[in-house]
Amino acid sequence: EDVPEDVPTEVQPVELEENLEEEEEEEDELTVDLDALPKMKVSELKDILKALDLPTSGIKTTLIERIQLHFAEEDKQEDDVEDEVARYQRRRKLLMLRRANC
């Protein structure tokens, strides 16, 4: 079968950027085993602190406390957001019930 000259005969692979946003978010996320901190070297603790944009000065116990405090604050912020969402959902449900009864 004759193929016109202007039609490419080979297919070039195309790289797809699937879930690019998810991958970028995962790269930004730092997971730390807080129970393992005391077993880590000071240099490893400082690497974690650098990744978190936190000060790296101090003795080992200070570095550990700084990391623990960071994640405790982060957890509290997430809990606060979850609480606010739950309150909003309860208020919305209550309003819907009131409208249904009117």
Foldseek 3Di string as FASTA:
>chain_A
DDDDPVDDPDDDDDDDCPPVVVVVVVVLDDDDDLVCLVVDDLVVLLVVCVSVVHDSDDDSVVSSVVVVVVVVVVVVVVVVVVVVVVVVVVVVVVVVVVVVVD
